[in-house]
Amino acid sequence: MSADSELARELTALVLATPGVQEVYPAGAGLEALVRVTRSGPSGRAQATICVLDEHPVPTTLREVSRALAARLAAEPEEFDVTVKASRIQ
């Protein structure tokens, strides 16, 4: 398993542990983890698409997931761009 795959699995678990997140959807075809991690030179990108529980405000949940991902990715040598989308509210 590559370092990116391991990181993607870790980030997926982090997203699922965030209050208000019901589910994480695959961010790309054939991915084992649900958060997509890509790197290009000195930068990287993390993408997540989530389902938010209806009793949690969507903007707050998106912000909390983004903050959690950014905090974890701050330990990586690359500077990461974090994108989180809500695909469904349940």
N, C-alpha and C. Protein backbone atom coordinates (compact mmCIF):
# COMPACT_ATOMS: atom_id res chain seq x y z
N MET A 1 0.86 -1.18 0.00
CA MET A 1 0.00 0.00 0.00
C MET A 1 0.90 1.24 0.00
N SER A 2 0.59 2.21 -0.85
CA SER A 2 1.40 3.42 -0.94
C SER A 2 1.12 4.36 0.22
N ALA A 3 2.03 5.30 0.40
CA ALA A 3 1.86 6.29 1.46
C ALA A 3 0.60 7.11 1.24
N ASP A 4 0.28 7.41 -0.02
CA ASP A 4 -0.94 8.17 -0.32
C ASP A 4 -2.19 7.36 0.02
N SER A 5 -2.14 6.05 -0.24
CA SER A 5 -3.28 5.19 0.09
C SER A 5 -3.49 5.14 1.60
N GLU A 6 -2.40 5.02 2.33
CA GLU A 6 -2.49 5.00 3.79
C GLU A 6 -3.03 6.33 4.32
N LEU A 7 -2.53 7.43 3.74
CA LEU A 7 -3.00 8.75 4.15
C LEU A 7 -4.49 8.91 3.83
N ALA A 8 -4.91 8.45 2.65
CA ALA A 8 -6.31 8.56 2.26
C ALA A 8 -7.21 7.77 3.22
N ARG A 9 -6.77 6.60 3.63
CA ARG A 9 -7.54 5.81 4.60
C ARG A 9 -7.63 6.55 5.94
N GLU A 10 -6.53 7.12 6.37
CA GLU A 10 -6.52 7.87 7.63
C GLU A 10 -7.46 9.08 7.55
N LEU A 11 -7.42 9.78 6.44
CA LEU A 11 -8.29 10.95 6.27
C LEU A 11 -9.76 10.55 6.20
N THR A 12 -10.05 9.41 5.57
CA THR A 12 -11.42 8.92 5.50
C THR A 12 -11.96 8.66 6.91
N ALA A 13 -11.15 8.01 7.74
CA ALA A 13 -11.56 7.75 9.13
C ALA A 13 -11.77 9.06 9.89
N LEU A 14 -10.92 10.03 9.64
CA LEU A 14 -11.04 11.34 10.28
C LEU A 14 -12.35 12.02 9.88
N VAL A 15 -12.69 11.95 8.60
CA VAL A 15 -13.94 12.55 8.12
C VAL A 15 -15.14 11.85 8.76
N LEU A 16 -15.12 10.53 8.79
CA LEU A 16 -16.25 9.78 9.37
C LEU A 16 -16.41 10.05 10.87
N ALA A 17 -15.35 10.44 11.54
CA ALA A 17 -15.40 10.74 12.98
C ALA A 17 -15.92 12.15 13.26
N THR A 18 -16.11 12.95 12.23
CA THR A 18 -16.58 14.33 12.40
C THR A 18 -18.09 14.33 12.66
N PRO A 19 -18.54 15.01 13.72
CA PRO A 19 -19.98 15.08 13.99
C PRO A 19 -20.76 15.62 12.79
N GLY A 20 -21.85 14.95 12.48
CA GLY A 20 -22.71 15.37 11.38
C GLY A 20 -22.48 14.62 10.09
N VAL A 21 -21.36 13.90 10.00
CA VAL A 21 -21.07 13.14 8.78
C VAL A 21 -21.73 11.77 8.88
N GLN A 22 -22.60 11.48 7.93
CA GLN A 22 -23.29 10.18 7.85
C GLN A 22 -22.47 9.18 7.06
N GLU A 23 -21.87 9.65 5.97
CA GLU A 23 -21.18 8.75 5.05
C GLU A 23 -20.18 9.56 4.23
N VAL A 24 -19.16 8.86 3.72
CA VAL A 24 -18.20 9.46 2.79
C VAL A 24 -18.33 8.69 1.49
N TYR A 25 -18.45 9.41 0.39
CA TYR A 25 -18.61 8.78 -0.92
C TYR A 25 -17.27 8.73 -1.64
N PRO A 26 -17.08 7.75 -2.52
CA PRO A 26 -15.82 7.66 -3.26
C PRO A 26 -15.55 8.95 -4.05
N ALA A 27 -14.32 9.45 -3.94
CA ALA A 27 -13.95 10.67 -4.65
C ALA A 27 -13.37 10.36 -6.03
N GLY A 28 -13.26 9.09 -6.36
CA GLY A 28 -12.74 8.70 -7.67
C GLY A 28 -12.96 7.22 -7.90
N ALA A 29 -12.98 6.83 -9.13
CA ALA A 29 -13.23 5.43 -9.49
C ALA A 29 -12.08 4.54 -9.02
N GLY A 30 -12.43 3.40 -8.46
CA GLY A 30 -11.43 2.41 -8.09
C GLY A 30 -10.63 2.73 -6.85
N LEU A 31 -11.06 3.69 -6.07
CA LEU A 31 -10.32 4.05 -4.86
C LEU A 31 -10.71 3.15 -3.70
N GLU A 32 -9.71 2.68 -2.96
CA GLU A 32 -10.00 1.88 -1.77
C GLU A 32 -10.49 2.77 -0.64
N ALA A 33 -9.85 3.92 -0.49
CA ALA A 33 -10.28 4.88 0.53
C ALA A 33 -11.23 5.86 -0.14
N LEU A 34 -11.97 6.59 0.66
CA LEU A 34 -13.00 7.46 0.10
C LEU A 34 -12.55 8.90 -0.07
N VAL A 35 -11.53 9.30 0.66
CA VAL A 35 -10.96 10.63 0.46
C VAL A 35 -9.85 10.47 -0.58
N ARG A 36 -9.86 11.33 -1.57
CA ARG A 36 -8.86 11.25 -2.64
C ARG A 36 -7.68 12.15 -2.30
N VAL A 37 -6.49 11.60 -2.38
CA VAL A 37 -5.26 12.34 -2.12
C VAL A 37 -4.41 12.29 -3.38
N THR A 38 -4.01 13.47 -3.87
CA THR A 38 -3.10 13.55 -5.01
C THR A 38 -2.00 14.54 -4.67
N ARG A 39 -0.82 14.29 -5.23
CA ARG A 39 0.32 15.18 -5.00
C ARG A 39 0.94 15.51 -6.35
N SER A 40 1.43 16.74 -6.45
CA SER A 40 2.12 17.18 -7.65
C SER A 40 3.18 18.18 -7.23
N GLY A 41 4.42 17.72 -7.22
CA GLY A 41 5.52 18.60 -6.80
C GLY A 41 5.36 19.04 -5.37
N PRO A 42 5.42 20.37 -5.13
CA PRO A 42 5.37 20.88 -3.76
C PRO A 42 3.95 21.05 -3.21
N SER A 43 2.96 20.58 -3.95
CA SER A 43 1.59 20.76 -3.47
C SER A 43 0.81 19.46 -3.57
N GLY A 44 -0.32 19.43 -2.90
CA GLY A 44 -1.18 18.27 -2.93
C GLY A 44 -2.63 18.69 -2.85
N ARG A 45 -3.49 17.71 -3.00
CA ARG A 45 -4.93 17.99 -2.95
C ARG A 45 -5.63 16.84 -2.24
N ALA A 46 -6.58 17.18 -1.38
CA ALA A 46 -7.42 16.19 -0.71
C ALA A 46 -8.86 16.56 -1.02
N GLN A 47 -9.63 15.57 -1.49
CA GLN A 47 -11.02 15.81 -1.86
C GLN A 47 -11.92 14.80 -1.15
N ALA A 48 -13.03 15.29 -0.61
CA ALA A 48 -14.01 14.43 0.05
C ALA A 48 -15.41 14.87 -0.32
N THR A 49 -16.28 13.90 -0.53
CA THR A 49 -17.70 14.15 -0.76
C THR A 49 -18.45 13.40 0.32
N ILE A 50 -19.30 14.12 1.06
CA ILE A 50 -19.93 13.54 2.25
C ILE A 50 -21.45 13.65 2.21
N CYS A 51 -22.07 12.83 3.04
CA CYS A 51 -23.50 12.91 3.32
C CYS A 51 -23.61 13.48 4.73
N VAL A 52 -24.40 14.52 4.90
CA VAL A 52 -24.55 15.20 6.18
C VAL A 52 -25.89 14.85 6.80
N LEU A 53 -25.87 14.53 8.09
CA LEU A 53 -27.12 14.27 8.81
C LEU A 53 -27.95 15.55 8.85
N ASP A 54 -29.27 15.42 8.64
CA ASP A 54 -30.11 16.62 8.53
C ASP A 54 -30.20 17.44 9.80
N GLU A 55 -29.88 16.87 10.96
CA GLU A 55 -29.95 17.66 12.19
C GLU A 55 -28.69 18.50 12.42
N HIS A 56 -27.72 18.38 11.52
CA HIS A 56 -26.49 19.18 11.60
C HIS A 56 -26.48 20.20 10.47
N PRO A 57 -26.13 21.44 10.75
CA PRO A 57 -26.05 22.43 9.68
C PRO A 57 -24.97 22.05 8.67
N VAL A 58 -25.32 22.04 7.41
CA VAL A 58 -24.39 21.64 6.36
C VAL A 58 -23.16 22.54 6.33
N PRO A 59 -23.29 23.87 6.34
CA PRO A 59 -22.08 24.70 6.28
C PRO A 59 -21.13 24.44 7.45
N THR A 60 -21.68 24.24 8.63
CA THR A 60 -20.85 23.98 9.80
C THR A 60 -20.13 22.64 9.66
N THR A 61 -20.84 21.63 9.19
CA THR A 61 -20.25 20.31 9.02
C THR A 61 -19.14 20.35 7.97
N LEU A 62 -19.39 21.01 6.85
CA LEU A 62 -18.35 21.14 5.81
C LEU A 62 -17.12 21.85 6.36
N ARG A 63 -17.34 22.89 7.12
CA ARG A 63 -16.23 23.66 7.71
C ARG A 63 -15.44 22.78 8.69
N GLU A 64 -16.13 22.01 9.52
CA GLU A 64 -15.45 21.16 10.50
C GLU A 64 -14.64 20.06 9.82
N VAL A 65 -15.19 19.47 8.78
CA VAL A 65 -14.45 18.44 8.03
C VAL A 65 -13.22 19.07 7.38
N SER A 66 -13.39 20.23 6.77
CA SER A 66 -12.26 20.91 6.12
C SER A 66 -11.17 21.23 7.13
N ARG A 67 -11.55 21.71 8.29
CA ARG A 67 -10.57 22.03 9.33
C ARG A 67 -9.84 20.79 9.82
N ALA A 68 -10.58 19.70 10.01
CA ALA A 68 -9.96 18.45 10.48
C ALA A 68 -8.94 17.94 9.45
N LEU A 69 -9.32 17.97 8.18
CA LEU A 69 -8.41 17.52 7.14
C LEU A 69 -7.18 18.43 7.06
N ALA A 70 -7.41 19.74 7.08
CA ALA A 70 -6.30 20.69 6.99
C ALA A 70 -5.34 20.54 8.17
N ALA A 71 -5.88 20.31 9.36
CA ALA A 71 -5.03 20.15 10.55
C ALA A 71 -4.14 18.91 10.40
N ARG A 72 -4.71 17.81 9.92
CA ARG A 72 -3.91 16.60 9.75
C ARG A 72 -2.88 16.77 8.63
N LEU A 73 -3.29 17.41 7.54
CA LEU A 73 -2.41 17.57 6.39
C LEU A 73 -1.29 18.58 6.63
N ALA A 74 -1.41 19.40 7.66
CA ALA A 74 -0.36 20.36 8.00
C ALA A 74 0.95 19.64 8.35
N ALA A 75 0.86 18.37 8.74
CA ALA A 75 2.06 17.58 9.08
C ALA A 75 2.78 17.05 7.84
N GLU A 76 2.16 17.13 6.68
CA GLU A 76 2.77 16.65 5.45
C GLU A 76 3.72 17.69 4.88
N PRO A 77 4.75 17.26 4.14
CA PRO A 77 5.71 18.23 3.59
C PRO A 77 5.13 19.13 2.50
N GLU A 78 4.11 18.63 1.80
CA GLU A 78 3.48 19.45 0.75
C GLU A 78 2.41 20.35 1.36
N GLU A 79 2.10 21.42 0.65
CA GLU A 79 0.98 22.28 1.04
C GLU A 79 -0.25 21.73 0.32
N PHE A 80 -1.30 21.39 1.08
CA PHE A 80 -2.48 20.76 0.51
C PHE A 80 -3.64 21.74 0.35
N ASP A 81 -4.35 21.57 -0.76
CA ASP A 81 -5.62 22.23 -0.99
C ASP A 81 -6.69 21.22 -0.60
N VAL A 82 -7.65 21.63 0.24
CA VAL A 82 -8.69 20.73 0.73
C VAL A 82 -10.03 21.14 0.15
N THR A 83 -10.74 20.19 -0.44
CA THR A 83 -12.07 20.42 -0.99
C THR A 83 -13.04 19.42 -0.38
N VAL A 84 -14.12 19.93 0.22
CA VAL A 84 -15.15 19.06 0.80
C VAL A 84 -16.49 19.49 0.24
N LYS A 85 -17.24 18.53 -0.28
CA LYS A 85 -18.58 18.81 -0.83
C LYS A 85 -19.61 17.94 -0.12
N ALA A 86 -20.82 18.48 0.00
CA ALA A 86 -21.94 17.69 0.50
C ALA A 86 -22.74 17.23 -0.71
N SER A 87 -22.86 15.92 -0.87
CA SER A 87 -23.59 15.36 -1.99
C SER A 87 -25.04 15.09 -1.60
N ARG A 88 -25.25 14.83 -0.33
CA ARG A 88 -26.59 14.47 0.12
C ARG A 88 -26.76 14.87 1.58
N ILE A 89 -27.99 15.20 1.93
CA ILE A 89 -28.34 15.51 3.32
C ILE A 89 -29.38 14.49 3.72
N GLN A 90 -29.12 13.80 4.82
CA GLN A 90 -30.03 12.73 5.21
C GLN A 90 -30.57 12.99 6.59
